[in-house]
Amino acid sequence: LSADREEVSVRRALELGVSDYLSKPLNV
């Protein structure tokens, strides 16, 4: 979960094997 949409952070999260990525602010 993050408002951080920096490509480096997203790429690193994907490399570490996240199942999904939810953007903030949260839409219920």
PDB file of all heavy atoms in Angstrom:
ATOM      1  N   LEU A   1       0.868  -1.183   0.000  1.00  0.00           N
ATOM      2  CA  LEU A   1       0.000   0.000   0.000  1.00  0.00           C
ATOM      3  C   LEU A   1       0.894   1.220   0.000  1.00  0.00           C
ATOM      4  O   LEU A   1       1.788   1.308   0.838  1.00  0.00           O
ATOM      5  CB  LEU A   1      -0.833   0.051   1.283  1.00  0.00           C
ATOM      6  CG  LEU A   1      -1.600  -1.192   1.670  1.00  0.00           C
ATOM      7  CD1 LEU A   1      -1.936  -1.154   3.136  1.00  0.00           C
ATOM      8  CD2 LEU A   1      -2.853  -1.265   0.836  1.00  0.00           C
ATOM      9  N   SER A   2       0.661   2.141  -0.924  1.00  0.00           N
ATOM     10  CA  SER A   2       1.498   3.330  -0.884  1.00  0.00           C
ATOM     11  C   SER A   2       1.006   4.429  -1.811  1.00  0.00           C
ATOM     12  O   SER A   2       0.431   4.151  -2.860  1.00  0.00           O
ATOM     13  CB  SER A   2       2.936   2.977  -1.259  1.00  0.00           C
ATOM     14  OG  SER A   2       3.767   4.092  -1.022  1.00  0.00           O
ATOM     15  N   ALA A   3       1.260   5.640  -1.405  1.00  0.00           N
ATOM     16  CA  ALA A   3       1.045   6.793  -2.269  1.00  0.00           C
ATOM     17  C   ALA A   3       2.301   7.023  -3.106  1.00  0.00           C
ATOM     18  O   ALA A   3       2.298   7.783  -4.059  1.00  0.00           O
ATOM     19  CB  ALA A   3       0.745   8.028  -1.431  1.00  0.00           C
ATOM     20  N   ASP A   4       3.372   6.318  -2.749  1.00  0.00           N
ATOM     21  CA  ASP A   4       4.656   6.425  -3.446  1.00  0.00           C
ATOM     22  C   ASP A   4       4.570   5.679  -4.773  1.00  0.00           C
ATOM     23  O   ASP A   4       4.471   4.466  -4.813  1.00  0.00           O
ATOM     24  CB  ASP A   4       5.759   5.818  -2.575  1.00  0.00           C
ATOM     25  CG  ASP A   4       7.135   5.937  -3.187  1.00  0.00           C
ATOM     26  OD1 ASP A   4       7.256   6.506  -4.291  1.00  0.00           O
ATOM     27  OD2 ASP A   4       8.096   5.456  -2.564  1.00  0.00           O
ATOM     28  N   ARG A   5       4.587   6.425  -5.857  1.00  0.00           N
ATOM     29  CA  ARG A   5       4.497   5.801  -7.177  1.00  0.00           C
ATOM     30  C   ARG A   5       5.826   5.892  -7.933  1.00  0.00           C
ATOM     31  O   ARG A   5       5.863   5.750  -9.138  1.00  0.00           O
ATOM     32  CB  ARG A   5       3.380   6.465  -7.984  1.00  0.00           C
ATOM     33  CG  ARG A   5       2.009   6.137  -7.421  1.00  0.00           C
ATOM     34  CD  ARG A   5       0.910   6.688  -8.300  1.00  0.00           C
ATOM     35  NE  ARG A   5      -0.387   6.393  -7.720  1.00  0.00           N
ATOM     36  CZ  ARG A   5      -1.046   7.204  -6.911  1.00  0.00           C
ATOM     37  NH1 ARG A   5      -0.534   8.355  -6.587  1.00  0.00           N
ATOM     38  NH2 ARG A   5      -2.227   6.864  -6.430  1.00  0.00           N
ATOM     39  N   GLU A   6       6.904   6.138  -7.186  1.00  0.00           N
ATOM     40  CA  GLU A   6       8.223   6.210  -7.808  1.00  0.00           C
ATOM     41  C   GLU A   6       8.556   4.866  -8.432  1.00  0.00           C
ATOM     42  O   GLU A   6       8.406   3.820  -7.803  1.00  0.00           O
ATOM     43  CB  GLU A   6       9.286   6.555  -6.761  1.00  0.00           C
ATOM     44  CG  GLU A   6       9.392   8.017  -6.484  1.00  0.00           C
ATOM     45  CD  GLU A   6      10.651   8.321  -5.692  1.00  0.00           C
ATOM     46  OE1 GLU A   6      11.700   7.687  -5.930  1.00  0.00           O
ATOM     47  OE2 GLU A   6      10.567   9.203  -4.837  1.00  0.00           O
ATOM     48  N   GLU A   7       8.999   4.925  -9.659  1.00  0.00           N
ATOM     49  CA  GLU A   7       9.285   3.700 -10.406  1.00  0.00           C
ATOM     50  C   GLU A   7      10.279   2.797  -9.678  1.00  0.00           C
ATOM     51  O   GLU A   7      10.129   1.579  -9.670  1.00  0.00           O
ATOM     52  CB  GLU A   7       9.809   4.046 -11.797  1.00  0.00           C
ATOM     53  CG  GLU A   7      10.006   2.830 -12.670  1.00  0.00           C
ATOM     54  CD  GLU A   7      10.484   3.177 -14.066  1.00  0.00           C
ATOM     55  OE1 GLU A   7      10.290   4.323 -14.498  1.00  0.00           O
ATOM     56  OE2 GLU A   7      11.050   2.288 -14.704  1.00  0.00           O
ATOM     57  N   VAL A   8      11.284   3.379  -9.041  1.00  0.00           N
ATOM     58  CA  VAL A   8      12.305   2.590  -8.350  1.00  0.00           C
ATOM     59  C   VAL A   8      11.674   1.785  -7.214  1.00  0.00           C
ATOM     60  O   VAL A   8      11.949   0.587  -7.057  1.00  0.00           O
ATOM     61  CB  VAL A   8      13.434   3.496  -7.815  1.00  0.00           C
ATOM     62  CG1 VAL A   8      14.401   2.733  -6.943  1.00  0.00           C
ATOM     63  CG2 VAL A   8      14.155   4.167  -8.963  1.00  0.00           C
ATOM     64  N   SER A   9      10.805   2.412  -6.426  1.00  0.00           N
ATOM     65  CA  SER A   9      10.154   1.722  -5.313  1.00  0.00           C
ATOM     66  C   SER A   9       9.223   0.623  -5.806  1.00  0.00           C
ATOM     67  O   SER A   9       9.217  -0.488  -5.276  1.00  0.00           O
ATOM     68  CB  SER A   9       9.348   2.708  -4.457  1.00  0.00           C
ATOM     69  OG  SER A   9      10.193   3.654  -3.882  1.00  0.00           O
ATOM     70  N   VAL A  10       8.445   0.924  -6.821  1.00  0.00           N
ATOM     71  CA  VAL A  10       7.509  -0.058  -7.376  1.00  0.00           C
ATOM     72  C   VAL A  10       8.282  -1.237  -7.955  1.00  0.00           C
ATOM     73  O   VAL A  10       7.948  -2.398  -7.702  1.00  0.00           O
ATOM     74  CB  VAL A  10       6.596   0.589  -8.442  1.00  0.00           C
ATOM     75  CG1 VAL A  10       5.739  -0.467  -9.130  1.00  0.00           C
ATOM     76  CG2 VAL A  10       5.712   1.659  -7.804  1.00  0.00           C
ATOM     77  N   ARG A  11       9.339  -0.959  -8.711  1.00  0.00           N
ATOM     78  CA  ARG A  11      10.138  -2.021  -9.313  1.00  0.00           C
ATOM     79  C   ARG A  11      10.761  -2.910  -8.236  1.00  0.00           C
ATOM     80  O   ARG A  11      10.750  -4.133  -8.336  1.00  0.00           O
ATOM     81  CB  ARG A  11      11.227  -1.442 -10.208  1.00  0.00           C
ATOM     82  CG  ARG A  11      11.995  -2.549 -10.939  1.00  0.00           C
ATOM     83  CD  ARG A  11      13.088  -2.060 -11.882  1.00  0.00           C
ATOM     84  NE  ARG A  11      12.646  -1.011 -12.761  1.00  0.00           N
ATOM     85  CZ  ARG A  11      13.228   0.190 -12.856  1.00  0.00           C
ATOM     86  NH1 ARG A  11      14.274   0.480 -12.105  1.00  0.00           N
ATOM     87  NH2 ARG A  11      12.790   1.092 -13.681  1.00  0.00           N
ATOM     88  N   ARG A  12      11.288  -2.286  -7.190  1.00  0.00           N
ATOM     89  CA  ARG A  12      11.919  -3.063  -6.102  1.00  0.00           C
ATOM     90  C   ARG A  12      10.877  -3.940  -5.401  1.00  0.00           C
ATOM     91  O   ARG A  12      11.152  -5.104  -5.095  1.00  0.00           O
ATOM     92  CB  ARG A  12      12.602  -2.125  -5.106  1.00  0.00           C
ATOM     93  CG  ARG A  12      13.295  -2.855  -3.982  1.00  0.00           C
ATOM     94  CD  ARG A  12      14.486  -3.666  -4.470  1.00  0.00           C
ATOM     95  NE  ARG A  12      15.097  -4.325  -3.333  1.00  0.00           N
ATOM     96  CZ  ARG A  12      15.508  -5.580  -3.330  1.00  0.00           C
ATOM     97  NH1 ARG A  12      15.408  -6.320  -4.407  1.00  0.00           N
ATOM     98  NH2 ARG A  12      16.026  -6.113  -2.260  1.00  0.00           N
ATOM     99  N   ALA A  13       9.686  -3.408  -5.156  1.00  0.00           N
ATOM    100  CA  ALA A  13       8.618  -4.190  -4.530  1.00  0.00           C
ATOM    101  C   ALA A  13       8.260  -5.386  -5.407  1.00  0.00           C
ATOM    102  O   ALA A  13       8.077  -6.504  -4.910  1.00  0.00           O
ATOM    103  CB  ALA A  13       7.395  -3.314  -4.273  1.00  0.00           C
ATOM    104  N   LEU A  14       8.175  -5.171  -6.708  1.00  0.00           N
ATOM    105  CA  LEU A  14       7.862  -6.268  -7.631  1.00  0.00           C
ATOM    106  C   LEU A  14       8.979  -7.314  -7.637  1.00  0.00           C
ATOM    107  O   LEU A  14       8.710  -8.517  -7.662  1.00  0.00           O
ATOM    108  CB  LEU A  14       7.617  -5.731  -9.039  1.00  0.00           C
ATOM    109  CG  LEU A  14       6.338  -4.907  -9.212  1.00  0.00           C
ATOM    110  CD1 LEU A  14       6.310  -4.237 -10.576  1.00  0.00           C
ATOM    111  CD2 LEU A  14       5.104  -5.762  -8.993  1.00  0.00           C
ATOM    112  N   GLU A  15      10.230  -6.856  -7.600  1.00  0.00           N
ATOM    113  CA  GLU A  15      11.371  -7.782  -7.556  1.00  0.00           C
ATOM    114  C   GLU A  15      11.319  -8.655  -6.303  1.00  0.00           C
ATOM    115  O   GLU A  15      11.736  -9.809  -6.322  1.00  0.00           O
ATOM    116  CB  GLU A  15      12.695  -7.015  -7.571  1.00  0.00           C
ATOM    117  CG  GLU A  15      13.034  -6.397  -8.899  1.00  0.00           C
ATOM    118  CD  GLU A  15      14.217  -5.441  -8.814  1.00  0.00           C
ATOM    119  OE1 GLU A  15      14.766  -5.213  -7.710  1.00  0.00           O
ATOM    120  OE2 GLU A  15      14.588  -4.887  -9.872  1.00  0.00           O
ATOM    121  N   LEU A  16      10.818  -8.080  -5.209  1.00  0.00           N
ATOM    122  CA  LEU A  16      10.730  -8.817  -3.943  1.00  0.00           C
ATOM    123  C   LEU A  16       9.488  -9.699  -3.869  1.00  0.00           C
ATOM    124  O   LEU A  16       9.273 -10.393  -2.883  1.00  0.00           O
ATOM    125  CB  LEU A  16      10.771  -7.836  -2.764  1.00  0.00           C
ATOM    126  CG  LEU A  16      12.127  -7.185  -2.528  1.00  0.00           C
ATOM    127  CD1 LEU A  16      12.007  -6.009  -1.560  1.00  0.00           C
ATOM    128  CD2 LEU A  16      13.134  -8.212  -2.007  1.00  0.00           C
ATOM    129  N   GLY A  17       8.671  -9.678  -4.912  1.00  0.00           N
ATOM    130  CA  GLY A  17       7.561 -10.616  -4.998  1.00  0.00           C
ATOM    131  C   GLY A  17       6.276 -10.215  -4.312  1.00  0.00           C
ATOM    132  O   GLY A  17       5.667 -11.039  -3.621  1.00  0.00           O
ATOM    133  N   VAL A  18       5.830  -8.984  -4.507  1.00  0.00           N
ATOM    134  CA  VAL A  18       4.533  -8.601  -3.947  1.00  0.00           C
ATOM    135  C   VAL A  18       3.411  -9.238  -4.758  1.00  0.00           C
ATOM    136  O   VAL A  18       3.551  -9.495  -5.949  1.00  0.00           O
ATOM    137  CB  VAL A  18       4.336  -7.066  -3.880  1.00  0.00           C
ATOM    138  CG1 VAL A  18       5.332  -6.443  -2.934  1.00  0.00           C
ATOM    139  CG2 VAL A  18       4.384  -6.425  -5.231  1.00  0.00           C
ATOM    140  N   SER A  19       2.291  -9.484  -4.088  1.00  0.00           N
ATOM    141  CA  SER A  19       1.129 -10.085  -4.751  1.00  0.00           C
ATOM    142  C   SER A  19       0.287  -9.044  -5.464  1.00  0.00           C
ATOM    143  O   SER A  19      -0.363  -9.340  -6.461  1.00  0.00           O
ATOM    144  CB  SER A  19       0.259 -10.806  -3.722  1.00  0.00           C
ATOM    145  OG  SER A  19       1.001 -11.828  -3.121  1.00  0.00           O
ATOM    146  N   ASP A  20       0.284  -7.821  -4.938  1.00  0.00           N
ATOM    147  CA  ASP A  20      -0.496  -6.743  -5.533  1.00  0.00           C
ATOM    148  C   ASP A  20       0.008  -5.426  -4.970  1.00  0.00           C
ATOM    149  O   ASP A  20       0.770  -5.400  -4.002  1.00  0.00           O
ATOM    150  CB  ASP A  20      -1.986  -6.922  -5.223  1.00  0.00           C
ATOM    151  CG  ASP A  20      -2.901  -6.257  -6.251  1.00  0.00           C
ATOM    152  OD1 ASP A  20      -2.412  -5.416  -7.043  1.00  0.00           O
ATOM    153  OD2 ASP A  20      -4.095  -6.567  -6.264  1.00  0.00           O
ATOM    154  N   TYR A  21      -0.432  -4.326  -5.587  1.00  0.00           N
ATOM    155  CA  TYR A  21      -0.010  -2.981  -5.197  1.00  0.00           C
ATOM    156  C   TYR A  21      -1.263  -2.120  -5.172  1.00  0.00           C
ATOM    157  O   TYR A  21      -1.921  -1.975  -6.197  1.00  0.00           O
ATOM    158  CB  TYR A  21       0.991  -2.457  -6.234  1.00  0.00           C
ATOM    159  CG  TYR A  21       1.650  -1.160  -5.872  1.00  0.00           C
ATOM    160  CD1 TYR A  21       2.922  -1.139  -5.325  1.00  0.00           C
ATOM    161  CD2 TYR A  21       1.013   0.059  -6.081  1.00  0.00           C
ATOM    162  CE1 TYR A  21       3.546   0.046  -5.005  1.00  0.00           C
ATOM    163  CE2 TYR A  21       1.629   1.254  -5.765  1.00  0.00           C
ATOM    164  CZ  TYR A  21       2.896   1.242  -5.227  1.00  0.00           C
ATOM    165  OH  TYR A  21       3.499   2.418  -4.900  1.00  0.00           O
ATOM    166  N   LEU A  22      -1.620  -1.605  -4.005  1.00  0.00           N
ATOM    167  CA  LEU A  22      -2.784  -0.735  -3.870  1.00  0.00           C
ATOM    168  C   LEU A  22      -2.319   0.695  -3.628  1.00  0.00           C
ATOM    169  O   LEU A  22      -1.503   0.944  -2.744  1.00  0.00           O
ATOM    170  CB  LEU A  22      -3.672  -1.190  -2.705  1.00  0.00           C
ATOM    171  CG  LEU A  22      -4.265  -2.590  -2.814  1.00  0.00           C
ATOM    172  CD1 LEU A  22      -5.034  -2.926  -1.539  1.00  0.00           C
ATOM    173  CD2 LEU A  22      -5.172  -2.709  -4.024  1.00  0.00           C
ATOM    174  N   SER A  23      -2.843   1.619  -4.408  1.00  0.00           N
ATOM    175  CA  SER A  23      -2.469   3.022  -4.285  1.00  0.00           C
ATOM    176  C   SER A  23      -3.289   3.732  -3.222  1.00  0.00           C
ATOM    177  O   SER A  23      -4.458   3.439  -3.030  1.00  0.00           O
ATOM    178  CB  SER A  23      -2.672   3.737  -5.623  1.00  0.00           C
ATOM    179  OG  SER A  23      -1.816   3.206  -6.595  1.00  0.00           O
ATOM    180  N   LYS A  24      -2.629   4.665  -2.545  1.00  0.00           N
ATOM    181  CA  LYS A  24      -3.302   5.562  -1.615  1.00  0.00           C
ATOM    182  C   LYS A  24      -3.559   6.867  -2.348  1.00  0.00           C
ATOM    183  O   LYS A  24      -2.775   7.221  -3.225  1.00  0.00           O
ATOM    184  CB  LYS A  24      -2.425   5.820  -0.386  1.00  0.00           C
ATOM    185  CG  LYS A  24      -2.269   4.638   0.516  1.00  0.00           C
ATOM    186  CD  LYS A  24      -1.396   5.071   1.677  1.00  0.00           C
ATOM    187  CE  LYS A  24      -1.120   3.977   2.647  1.00  0.00           C
ATOM    188  NZ  LYS A  24      -0.241   4.429   3.724  1.00  0.00           N
ATOM    189  N   PRO A  25      -4.580   7.601  -2.010  1.00  0.00           N
ATOM    190  CA  PRO A  25      -5.528   7.314  -0.932  1.00  0.00           C
ATOM    191  C   PRO A  25      -6.389   6.109  -1.280  1.00  0.00           C
ATOM    192  O   PRO A  25      -6.674   5.837  -2.442  1.00  0.00           O
ATOM    193  CB  PRO A  25      -6.366   8.591  -0.824  1.00  0.00           C
ATOM    194  CG  PRO A  25      -6.242   9.243  -2.163  1.00  0.00           C
ATOM    195  CD  PRO A  25      -4.901   8.848  -2.716  1.00  0.00           C
ATOM    196  N   LEU A  26      -6.789   5.389  -0.227  1.00  0.00           N
ATOM    197  CA  LEU A  26      -7.549   4.160  -0.411  1.00  0.00           C
ATOM    198  C   LEU A  26      -8.977   4.451  -0.849  1.00  0.00           C
ATOM    199  O   LEU A  26      -9.641   5.316  -0.291  1.00  0.00           O
ATOM    200  CB  LEU A  26      -7.569   3.351   0.887  1.00  0.00           C
ATOM    201  CG  LEU A  26      -6.212   2.892   1.395  1.00  0.00           C
ATOM    202  CD1 LEU A  26      -6.375   2.188   2.732  1.00  0.00           C
ATOM    203  CD2 LEU A  26      -5.514   1.999   0.395  1.00  0.00           C
ATOM    204  N   ASN A  27      -9.422   3.716  -1.830  1.00  0.00           N
ATOM    205  CA  ASN A  27     -10.808   3.770  -2.300  1.00  0.00           C
ATOM    206  C   ASN A  27     -11.461   2.490  -1.776  1.00  0.00           C
ATOM    207  O   ASN A  27     -11.126   1.391  -2.237  1.00  0.00           O
ATOM    208  CB  ASN A  27     -10.822   3.823  -3.833  1.00  0.00           C
ATOM    209  CG  ASN A  27     -12.205   3.806  -4.409  1.00  0.00           C
ATOM    210  OD1 ASN A  27     -13.045   3.004  -4.028  1.00  0.00           O
ATOM    211  ND2 ASN A  27     -12.438   4.690  -5.360  1.00  0.00           N
ATOM    212  N   VAL A  28     -12.349   2.605  -0.791  1.00  0.00           N
ATOM    213  CA  VAL A  28     -12.887   1.446  -0.084  1.00  0.00           C
ATOM    214  C   VAL A  28     -13.514   0.409  -1.019  1.00  0.00           C
ATOM    215  O   VAL A  28     -13.199  -0.775  -0.919  1.00  0.00           O
ATOM    216  CB  VAL A  28     -13.849   1.863   1.055  1.00  0.00           C
ATOM    217  CG1 VAL A  28     -14.544   0.652   1.671  1.00  0.00           C
ATOM    218  CG2 VAL A  28     -13.063   2.618   2.127  1.00  0.00           C
TER     219      VAL A  28
END
